[in-house]
Amino acid sequence: MCLAIPSKIVEINEAGLGIIDVDGVKRDCSLLMIDSPQIGDYVIVHAGFALHKIDEVEAGKMLDTLREVAFYSQGLEPDKKE
């Protein structure tokens, strides 16, 4: 199974490549498929390619869900924000 991960663009170079951040983990990413990428944009990334932009609220919801799945897969109960 493959996952597309919401990520924040933190750097962009002239070649259309960028650095994305997910919970403090930074990776290289191709931004060539994104129209006018900007630092601070949230994008869906799969296999090192940003596929499309999403808004910050939606990115946060998706990341929270992925964190919950990670906790449950380890037999743990995630902390719930009230």
C-alpha atoms as a PDB file:
ATOM      1  CA  MET A   1       0.000   0.000   0.000  1.00  0.00           C
ATOM      2  CA  CYS A   2       1.245   3.472  -0.826  1.00  0.00           C
ATOM      3  CA  LEU A   3       0.407   6.675   1.000  1.00  0.00           C
ATOM      4  CA  ALA A   4       0.441  10.250  -0.187  1.00  0.00           C
ATOM      5  CA  ILE A   5       1.625  12.429   2.693  1.00  0.00           C
ATOM      6  CA  PRO A   6       0.685  16.075   3.320  1.00  0.00           C
ATOM      7  CA  SER A   7       3.882  18.103   3.563  1.00  0.00           C
ATOM      8  CA  LYS A   8       4.913  21.747   3.913  1.00  0.00           C
ATOM      9  CA  ILE A   9       7.280  23.316   1.372  1.00  0.00           C
ATOM     10  CA  VAL A  10      10.168  24.916   3.293  1.00  0.00           C
ATOM     11  CA  GLU A  11      12.673  25.563   0.483  1.00  0.00           C
ATOM     12  CA  ILE A  12      12.540  25.895  -3.311  1.00  0.00           C
ATOM     13  CA  ASN A  13      15.440  26.034  -5.762  1.00  0.00           C
ATOM     14  CA  GLU A  14      15.579  27.290  -9.356  1.00  0.00           C
ATOM     15  CA  ALA A  15      15.383  23.770 -10.827  1.00  0.00           C
ATOM     16  CA  GLY A  16      11.854  23.177  -9.524  1.00  0.00           C
ATOM     17  CA  LEU A  17      13.002  21.055  -6.622  1.00  0.00           C
ATOM     18  CA  GLY A  18      12.202  21.743  -3.032  1.00  0.00           C
ATOM     19  CA  ILE A  19      12.565  20.572   0.499  1.00  0.00           C
ATOM     20  CA  ILE A  20       9.412  19.514   2.309  1.00  0.00           C
ATOM     21  CA  ASP A  21       8.812  19.068   6.032  1.00  0.00           C
ATOM     22  CA  VAL A  22       6.606  16.518   7.785  1.00  0.00           C
ATOM     23  CA  ASP A  23       6.742  16.715  11.583  1.00  0.00           C
ATOM     24  CA  GLY A  24      10.337  17.957  11.500  1.00  0.00           C
ATOM     25  CA  VAL A  25      11.539  15.379   8.970  1.00  0.00           C
ATOM     26  CA  LYS A  26      12.838  17.095   5.841  1.00  0.00           C
ATOM     27  CA  ARG A  27      13.162  15.485   2.420  1.00  0.00           C
ATOM     28  CA  ASP A  28      13.848  16.488  -1.164  1.00  0.00           C
ATOM     29  CA  CYS A  29      10.812  16.673  -3.417  1.00  0.00           C
ATOM     30  CA  SER A  30      10.078  17.498  -7.045  1.00  0.00           C
ATOM     31  CA  LEU A  31       7.715  20.461  -7.350  1.00  0.00           C
ATOM     32  CA  LEU A  32       7.566  20.320 -11.160  1.00  0.00           C
ATOM     33  CA  MET A  33       3.944  19.106 -11.184  1.00  0.00           C
ATOM     34  CA  ILE A  34       2.725  22.010  -8.993  1.00  0.00           C
ATOM     35  CA  ASP A  35       1.523  25.307 -10.460  1.00  0.00           C
ATOM     36  CA  SER A  36       3.386  28.200  -8.790  1.00  0.00           C
ATOM     37  CA  PRO A  37       4.680  26.477  -5.650  1.00  0.00           C
ATOM     38  CA  GLN A  38       5.504  28.827  -2.782  1.00  0.00           C
ATOM     39  CA  ILE A  39       7.340  28.358   0.500  1.00  0.00           C
ATOM     40  CA  GLY A  40       4.702  27.621   3.123  1.00  0.00           C
ATOM     41  CA  ASP A  41       2.336  25.816   0.730  1.00  0.00           C
ATOM     42  CA  TYR A  42       1.075  22.404   1.762  1.00  0.00           C
ATOM     43  CA  VAL A  43       1.232  19.691  -0.873  1.00  0.00           C
ATOM     44  CA  ILE A  44       0.373  16.016  -1.176  1.00  0.00           C
ATOM     45  CA  VAL A  45       3.600  14.079  -1.815  1.00  0.00           C
ATOM     46  CA  HIS A  46       3.953  10.566  -3.193  1.00  0.00           C
ATOM     47  CA  ALA A  47       7.213   8.875  -4.227  1.00  0.00           C
ATOM     48  CA  GLY A  48       9.146  12.154  -4.050  1.00  0.00           C
ATOM     49  CA  PHE A  49       6.725  14.172  -6.206  1.00  0.00           C
ATOM     50  CA  ALA A  50       4.336  16.861  -5.014  1.00  0.00           C
ATOM     51  CA  LEU A  51       1.038  16.005  -6.703  1.00  0.00           C
ATOM     52  CA  HIS A  52      -1.205  18.933  -5.737  1.00  0.00           C
ATOM     53  CA  LYS A  53      -1.681  21.713  -3.208  1.00  0.00           C
ATOM     54  CA  ILE A  54      -3.989  21.459  -0.204  1.00  0.00           C
ATOM     55  CA  ASP A  55      -4.895  24.003   2.447  1.00  0.00           C
ATOM     56  CA  GLU A  56      -3.236  24.033   5.862  1.00  0.00           C
ATOM     57  CA  VAL A  57      -6.377  22.940   7.741  1.00  0.00           C
ATOM     58  CA  GLU A  58      -6.876  19.889   5.520  1.00  0.00           C
ATOM     59  CA  ALA A  59      -3.166  19.011   5.822  1.00  0.00           C
ATOM     60  CA  GLY A  60      -3.449  19.144   9.605  1.00  0.00           C
ATOM     61  CA  LYS A  61      -6.489  16.868   9.627  1.00  0.00           C
ATOM     62  CA  MET A  62      -4.766  14.345   7.377  1.00  0.00           C
ATOM     63  CA  LEU A  63      -1.602  14.345   9.489  1.00  0.00           C
ATOM     64  CA  ASP A  64      -3.647  13.857  12.676  1.00  0.00           C
ATOM     65  CA  THR A  65      -5.363  10.851  11.088  1.00  0.00           C
ATOM     66  CA  LEU A  66      -2.023   9.362  10.000  1.00  0.00           C
ATOM     67  CA  ARG A  67      -0.664   9.821  13.531  1.00  0.00           C
ATOM     68  CA  GLU A  68      -3.704   7.999  14.966  1.00  0.00           C
ATOM     69  CA  VAL A  69      -3.226   5.107  12.551  1.00  0.00           C
ATOM     70  CA  ALA A  70       0.434   4.877  13.568  1.00  0.00           C
ATOM     71  CA  PHE A  71      -0.504   4.733  17.263  1.00  0.00           C
ATOM     72  CA  TYR A  72      -3.243   2.139  16.773  1.00  0.00           C
ATOM     73  CA  SER A  73      -0.968  -0.026  14.620  1.00  0.00           C
ATOM     74  CA  GLN A  74       1.392  -0.222  17.618  1.00  0.00           C
ATOM     75  CA  GLY A  75      -1.442  -1.109  20.011  1.00  0.00           C
ATOM     76  CA  LEU A  76      -1.365   2.342  21.646  1.00  0.00           C
ATOM     77  CA  GLU A  77      -4.118   4.866  22.259  1.00  0.00           C
ATOM     78  CA  PRO A  78      -3.353   8.302  20.742  1.00  0.00           C
ATOM     79  CA  ASP A  79      -3.744  11.464  22.835  1.00  0.00           C
ATOM     80  CA  LYS A  80      -6.997  13.145  21.910  1.00  0.00           C
ATOM     81  CA  LYS A  81      -7.156  16.936  21.669  1.00  0.00           C
ATOM     82  CA  GLU A  82     -10.274  18.217  23.393  1.00  0.00           C
END
